[in-house]
Amino acid sequence: MVSILFQFTTMPPFNITGYSTALFSTWYFVDELRLLFDAGDGLSAALLQKGRRVKHIFISHPDRDHLGGLFQFHQLNAREDWPRIYYPKDSRSFPYMEAFLKTFDPHVSGARWQPIEDGETVWIGNNIGVEAIRNEHIPAAPGLSKSFGFKVFEKKQKLHPDLQGLPAEQIQKIVLERGKDQTTVSQRVDLLAYSGDTPIGSPSLWQGVKTLIHEATFLESEGHTLNAEHLNKHSTLEQVLNMVAQTDVEELILGHFSTRYDAAQIDLRIQECCQNMGIKIPVHRVLPGQVVENILQKTPLKG
């Protein structure tokens, strides 16, 4: 019984529903965790009554395509203490939005708004944490938090390596004699990560992540902005897949494609890049203009 007690929990593939189209709207809902990444337009219409399950909303940055759906979602689902809305602490847009929504919808003003900073962990359940990771989508001085990605991780105590393999009765006796602090080690597993909008980062950032959701706005390296006036930075498909090829990520979800590409172009380019880079893991995609339910249960392009 002791050896089972300290084994790490194996979680099934998450049930993720999402919509992500560059410039228009992005959101991803993780059902089992009652967790929402971003809150773009159309969120409430897509989730319908399932929106009531959302308890934690992590907004990556204040671009309108990532928070435009929060207005109706708040009106339909806010209640005492829920949902809890987490946002980059140095982004001044969010306190204004909080004040507006609490004035505009005073009968549903129970939602809790919480600024968070780079490296901060929010605990959303038993041993489940969400870590904020500063990215470079919005130019900001060092030390300022204006744009985030997020990692969802599980942290538990695991039986010390020196005790693994011993008979259960012997392990139980040692644990009783020494106590759990002396017979277990803390272990973290990064279950899920969401890049937010961002230029490509170091492969080490996502090393060890089981499922990665990453933006891939452009298919080719024709630029890092949506237009000349938009200074916020994005990734290209080639960059993302080249980065993932250098990690042990187990499954990939790509989204935030520009509407300049159609589905056939996107799929063909993903397949070409995966073949050229030797990527064997399952690669899923959220095509422009499409709500995709149970993303990880769909047939991947590569696997």
Protein backbone atom coordinates (compact mmCIF):
# COMPACT_ATOMS: atom_id res chain seq x y z
CA MET A 1 0.00 0.00 0.00
CA VAL A 2 2.83 2.43 0.78
CA SER A 3 4.47 2.05 -2.60
CA ILE A 4 1.14 2.85 -4.27
CA LEU A 5 0.56 5.81 -1.95
CA PHE A 6 3.67 7.62 -3.11
CA GLN A 7 3.48 6.87 -6.82
CA PHE A 8 2.95 9.87 -9.06
CA THR A 9 -0.57 10.32 -10.36
CA THR A 10 -1.03 9.56 -14.04
CA MET A 11 -3.64 11.94 -15.43
CA PRO A 12 -5.58 11.05 -18.59
CA PRO A 13 -5.39 13.31 -21.67
CA PHE A 14 -7.15 16.56 -20.93
CA ASN A 15 -10.46 17.40 -22.56
CA ILE A 16 -9.52 20.71 -24.22
CA THR A 17 -11.88 22.82 -26.32
CA GLY A 18 -10.53 25.87 -28.09
CA TYR A 19 -10.79 28.60 -30.68
CA SER A 20 -7.77 30.55 -31.85
CA THR A 21 -7.62 32.82 -34.88
CA ALA A 22 -5.00 35.56 -35.03
CA LEU A 23 -6.38 39.08 -34.66
CA PHE A 24 -9.95 37.89 -33.98
CA SER A 25 -10.25 35.61 -30.93
CA THR A 26 -8.37 33.07 -28.81
CA TRP A 27 -9.44 30.92 -25.85
CA TYR A 28 -8.83 27.37 -24.58
CA PHE A 29 -10.97 25.59 -21.97
CA VAL A 30 -9.53 22.65 -19.99
CA ASP A 31 -12.59 20.87 -18.65
CA GLU A 32 -11.03 18.64 -15.97
CA LEU A 33 -9.21 21.58 -14.39
CA ARG A 34 -12.13 24.01 -14.77
CA LEU A 35 -9.51 26.27 -16.29
CA LEU A 36 -9.69 28.81 -19.10
CA PHE A 37 -6.71 30.29 -20.93
CA ASP A 38 -7.71 33.67 -22.38
CA ALA A 39 -11.28 34.77 -23.11
CA GLY A 40 -11.68 35.90 -26.69
CA ASP A 41 -14.91 36.72 -28.49
CA GLY A 42 -17.44 33.89 -28.95
CA LEU A 43 -16.41 32.08 -25.78
CA SER A 44 -19.85 32.05 -24.15
CA ALA A 45 -21.67 31.08 -27.34
CA ALA A 46 -19.35 28.12 -27.81
CA LEU A 47 -19.35 26.81 -24.24
CA LEU A 48 -23.01 27.56 -23.47
CA GLN A 49 -23.91 26.07 -20.06
CA LYS A 50 -20.48 24.47 -19.78
CA GLY A 51 -19.15 27.97 -19.12
CA ARG A 52 -20.47 27.59 -15.60
CA ARG A 53 -17.77 25.00 -14.96
CA VAL A 54 -14.99 27.57 -15.38
CA LYS A 55 -13.48 28.59 -12.05
CA HIS A 56 -10.06 29.94 -13.05
CA ILE A 57 -9.35 32.29 -15.97
CA PHE A 58 -5.75 33.09 -16.86
CA ILE A 59 -5.45 36.02 -19.29
CA SER A 60 -2.13 36.14 -21.09
CA HIS A 61 -2.23 39.81 -22.13
CA PRO A 62 -4.72 42.63 -22.76
CA ASP A 63 -5.11 42.43 -26.56
CA ARG A 64 -8.83 42.57 -27.36
CA ASP A 65 -8.84 39.25 -29.20
CA HIS A 66 -7.81 37.56 -25.93
CA LEU A 67 -10.28 39.19 -23.56
CA GLY A 68 -13.21 40.48 -25.65
CA GLY A 69 -15.38 37.54 -24.61
CA LEU A 70 -14.93 38.28 -20.92
CA PHE A 71 -17.77 40.83 -20.90
CA GLN A 72 -20.56 38.38 -21.70
CA PHE A 73 -18.89 35.54 -19.83
CA HIS A 74 -18.81 37.67 -16.68
CA GLN A 75 -22.47 38.65 -17.05
CA LEU A 76 -23.57 35.01 -17.44
CA ASN A 77 -21.28 33.24 -15.00
CA ALA A 78 -19.91 35.52 -12.29
CA ARG A 79 -21.02 34.59 -8.76
CA GLU A 80 -19.66 35.04 -5.27
CA ASP A 81 -15.87 34.50 -5.40
CA TRP A 82 -15.95 32.93 -8.90
CA PRO A 83 -14.55 32.92 -11.44
CA ARG A 84 -11.10 34.02 -10.41
CA ILE A 85 -9.44 36.08 -13.11
CA TYR A 86 -5.64 36.26 -13.15
CA TYR A 87 -3.77 38.82 -15.25
CA PRO A 88 -0.28 40.37 -15.67
CA LYS A 89 0.16 42.75 -12.77
CA ASP A 90 1.74 45.57 -14.76
CA SER A 91 -1.00 45.68 -17.39
CA ARG A 92 -3.16 48.68 -16.54
CA SER A 93 -6.07 47.57 -18.75
CA PHE A 94 -7.37 45.00 -16.27
CA PRO A 95 -8.17 47.22 -13.26
CA TYR A 96 -10.16 49.45 -15.63
CA MET A 97 -12.04 46.44 -16.98
CA GLU A 98 -12.73 45.14 -13.48
CA ALA A 99 -14.14 48.49 -12.41
CA PHE A 100 -16.29 48.75 -15.54
CA LEU A 101 -17.76 45.24 -15.26
CA LYS A 102 -18.54 45.64 -11.57
CA THR A 103 -20.38 48.87 -12.40
CA PHE A 104 -22.06 47.62 -15.56
CA ASP A 105 -23.15 44.28 -14.04
CA PRO A 106 -23.45 45.04 -10.31
CA HIS A 107 -25.74 42.04 -9.74
CA VAL A 108 -22.90 39.66 -10.75
CA SER A 109 -19.90 41.40 -9.21
CA GLY A 110 -18.63 38.41 -7.25
CA ALA A 111 -15.74 37.52 -9.58
CA ARG A 112 -12.31 37.90 -8.02
CA TRP A 113 -9.61 39.71 -10.02
CA GLN A 114 -5.99 38.93 -9.10
CA PRO A 115 -2.82 40.44 -10.57
CA ILE A 116 0.10 37.99 -10.81
CA GLU A 117 3.75 38.39 -11.68
CA ASP A 118 6.43 36.45 -13.51
CA GLY A 119 7.21 33.15 -11.79
CA GLU A 120 4.21 33.31 -9.47
CA THR A 121 2.25 30.09 -8.90
CA VAL A 122 -1.51 29.99 -8.41
CA TRP A 123 -2.80 26.79 -6.80
CA ILE A 124 -6.07 25.78 -8.44
CA GLY A 125 -6.60 22.37 -6.87
CA ASN A 126 -5.04 19.54 -4.92
CA ASN A 127 -1.35 19.69 -5.86
CA ILE A 128 -2.19 21.44 -9.15
CA GLY A 129 -0.48 24.77 -9.77
CA VAL A 130 -0.36 27.26 -12.63
CA GLU A 131 2.91 29.15 -13.07
CA ALA A 132 3.05 32.48 -14.91
CA ILE A 133 5.91 32.83 -17.39
CA ARG A 134 6.82 36.25 -18.77
CA ASN A 135 7.14 36.39 -22.55
CA GLU A 136 8.14 39.05 -25.06
CA HIS A 137 4.88 39.55 -26.93
CA ILE A 138 4.39 43.01 -25.43
CA PRO A 139 7.60 45.04 -25.18
CA ALA A 140 8.23 45.89 -21.53
CA ALA A 141 11.13 46.92 -19.34
CA PRO A 142 12.90 44.18 -17.37
CA GLY A 143 10.99 43.29 -14.24
CA LEU A 144 7.59 44.31 -15.64
CA SER A 145 4.90 41.68 -16.27
CA LYS A 146 2.65 42.60 -19.20
CA SER A 147 2.39 39.37 -21.20
CA PHE A 148 2.45 35.75 -20.04
CA GLY A 149 2.48 32.13 -20.99
CA PHE A 150 1.47 29.54 -18.39
CA LYS A 151 2.51 26.09 -17.16
CA VAL A 152 0.12 23.75 -15.36
CA PHE A 153 1.97 21.31 -13.13
CA GLU A 154 1.29 18.63 -10.56
CA LYS A 155 3.42 18.41 -7.44
CA LYS A 156 3.42 15.44 -5.09
CA GLN A 157 5.61 13.46 -2.80
CA LYS A 158 7.27 10.40 -4.30
CA LEU A 159 8.99 7.56 -2.49
CA HIS A 160 12.72 8.20 -2.11
CA PRO A 161 14.75 6.36 -4.81
CA ASP A 162 16.72 4.43 -2.18
CA LEU A 163 13.48 2.81 -0.99
CA GLN A 164 11.95 1.97 -4.33
CA GLY A 165 11.90 -1.73 -5.09
CA LEU A 166 11.88 -2.81 -1.44
CA PRO A 167 9.06 -5.04 -0.19
CA ALA A 168 5.95 -3.11 0.82
CA GLU A 169 6.16 -4.27 4.44
CA GLN A 170 9.75 -3.04 4.74
CA ILE A 171 8.87 0.33 3.17
CA GLN A 172 5.96 0.76 5.55
CA LYS A 173 8.19 0.07 8.53
CA ILE A 174 10.85 2.56 7.35
CA VAL A 175 8.25 5.26 6.71
CA LEU A 176 6.82 4.77 10.20
CA GLU A 177 10.29 4.98 11.75
CA ARG A 178 11.65 7.95 9.80
CA GLY A 179 8.51 9.83 8.81
CA LYS A 180 7.42 10.99 5.37
CA ASP A 181 9.81 13.94 5.30
CA GLN A 182 12.78 11.58 5.41
CA THR A 183 11.41 8.94 3.05
CA THR A 184 9.88 10.96 0.21
CA VAL A 185 11.05 13.55 -2.31
CA SER A 186 9.01 16.29 -3.93
CA GLN A 187 8.46 15.88 -7.65
CA ARG A 188 6.95 18.21 -10.21
CA VAL A 189 5.49 17.15 -13.56
CA ASP A 190 4.56 19.82 -16.11
CA LEU A 191 1.25 18.53 -17.43
CA LEU A 192 0.21 21.32 -19.78
CA ALA A 193 1.59 24.61 -21.05
CA TYR A 194 0.12 27.52 -22.99
CA SER A 195 2.47 29.90 -24.75
CA GLY A 196 0.09 32.84 -25.14
CA ASP A 197 1.04 35.17 -27.98
CA THR A 198 4.82 35.28 -28.10
CA PRO A 199 7.92 35.18 -30.22
CA ILE A 200 9.68 31.85 -30.03
CA GLY A 201 11.47 31.06 -26.78
CA SER A 202 14.29 28.75 -25.78
CA PRO A 203 13.55 25.00 -26.08
CA SER A 204 14.48 24.68 -22.40
CA LEU A 205 11.37 26.70 -21.49
CA TRP A 206 9.07 23.84 -22.51
CA GLN A 207 11.37 20.91 -21.72
CA GLY A 208 9.47 18.28 -19.74
CA VAL A 209 6.00 19.55 -20.70
CA LYS A 210 3.59 16.76 -21.63
CA THR A 211 1.16 18.83 -23.75
CA LEU A 212 2.09 22.20 -25.22
CA ILE A 213 -0.37 24.70 -26.74
CA HIS A 214 1.65 27.15 -28.84
CA GLU A 215 0.79 29.94 -31.20
CA ALA A 216 1.99 29.71 -34.84
CA THR A 217 0.68 32.87 -36.46
CA PHE A 218 2.73 32.68 -39.66
CA LEU A 219 3.56 29.67 -41.81
CA GLU A 220 6.74 31.16 -43.20
CA SER A 221 9.32 33.58 -41.84
CA GLU A 222 7.76 36.63 -43.47
CA GLY A 223 7.70 38.63 -40.28
CA HIS A 224 6.80 38.71 -36.63
CA THR A 225 3.95 41.22 -36.66
CA LEU A 226 0.39 41.10 -37.96
CA ASN A 227 0.91 44.42 -39.70
CA ALA A 228 3.41 47.25 -39.78
CA GLU A 229 1.61 49.21 -37.07
CA HIS A 230 1.30 46.26 -34.65
CA LEU A 231 4.45 46.09 -32.55
CA ASN A 232 3.56 42.97 -30.58
CA LYS A 233 5.55 39.91 -31.58
CA HIS A 234 4.50 36.43 -32.72
CA SER A 235 5.96 33.06 -33.74
CA THR A 236 6.15 31.30 -37.07
CA LEU A 237 5.23 27.65 -37.61
CA GLU A 238 8.78 26.75 -38.65
CA GLN A 239 10.22 28.31 -35.51
CA VAL A 240 7.75 26.52 -33.23
CA LEU A 241 8.29 23.09 -34.76
CA ASN A 242 12.06 23.54 -34.82
CA MET A 243 11.96 24.45 -31.14
CA VAL A 244 9.67 21.53 -30.25
CA ALA A 245 11.98 19.13 -32.11
CA GLN A 246 14.64 20.01 -29.51
CA THR A 247 12.42 19.14 -26.54
CA ASP A 248 10.72 16.09 -25.04
CA VAL A 249 7.22 17.57 -25.40
CA GLU A 250 4.84 14.64 -25.85
CA GLU A 251 1.95 16.31 -27.68
CA LEU A 252 1.52 19.64 -29.47
CA ILE A 253 -1.49 21.86 -30.16
CA LEU A 254 -0.94 24.66 -32.68
CA GLY A 255 -3.23 27.67 -33.01
CA HIS A 256 -3.48 31.42 -33.63
CA PHE A 257 -2.94 31.00 -37.39
CA SER A 258 -3.45 34.06 -39.53
CA THR A 259 -6.56 34.11 -41.75
CA ARG A 260 -4.28 34.76 -44.72
CA TYR A 261 -3.88 30.95 -44.84
CA ASP A 262 -6.57 28.35 -45.58
CA ALA A 263 -6.85 24.93 -43.94
CA ALA A 264 -5.12 23.08 -46.77
CA GLN A 265 -2.11 25.42 -46.67
CA ILE A 266 -1.79 25.07 -42.91
CA ASP A 267 -2.05 21.28 -42.88
CA LEU A 268 0.37 20.85 -45.77
CA ARG A 269 2.96 23.12 -44.19
CA ILE A 270 2.68 21.38 -40.80
CA GLN A 271 3.20 18.00 -42.45
CA GLU A 272 6.17 19.27 -44.48
CA CYS A 273 7.87 20.77 -41.44
CA CYS A 274 7.26 17.69 -39.31
CA GLN A 275 8.79 15.48 -41.98
CA ASN A 276 11.78 17.76 -42.53
CA MET A 277 12.44 18.10 -38.80
CA GLY A 278 11.79 14.46 -37.89
CA ILE A 279 8.89 15.25 -35.54
CA LYS A 280 7.07 12.08 -34.53
CA ILE A 281 4.81 13.30 -31.71
CA PRO A 282 1.07 13.94 -32.27
CA VAL A 283 0.50 17.43 -33.68
CA HIS A 284 -3.00 18.91 -33.46
CA ARG A 285 -4.15 22.24 -34.87
CA VAL A 286 -6.96 24.72 -34.31
CA LEU A 287 -7.74 26.10 -37.76
CA PRO A 288 -8.87 29.70 -38.29
CA GLY A 289 -12.58 30.23 -37.69
CA GLN A 290 -13.19 26.82 -36.08
CA VAL A 291 -14.16 25.85 -32.53
CA VAL A 292 -12.53 22.47 -31.88
CA GLU A 293 -13.91 20.27 -29.11
CA ASN A 294 -11.83 17.55 -27.44
CA ILE A 295 -8.74 18.63 -29.36
CA LEU A 296 -6.50 15.85 -28.07
CA GLN A 297 -9.05 13.20 -29.04
CA LYS A 298 -8.98 14.27 -32.70
CA THR A 299 -6.77 12.43 -35.20
CA PRO A 300 -3.43 14.28 -35.18
CA LEU A 301 -1.58 15.32 -38.31
CA LYS A 302 1.49 13.50 -37.05
CA GLY A 303 1.72 10.63 -34.63
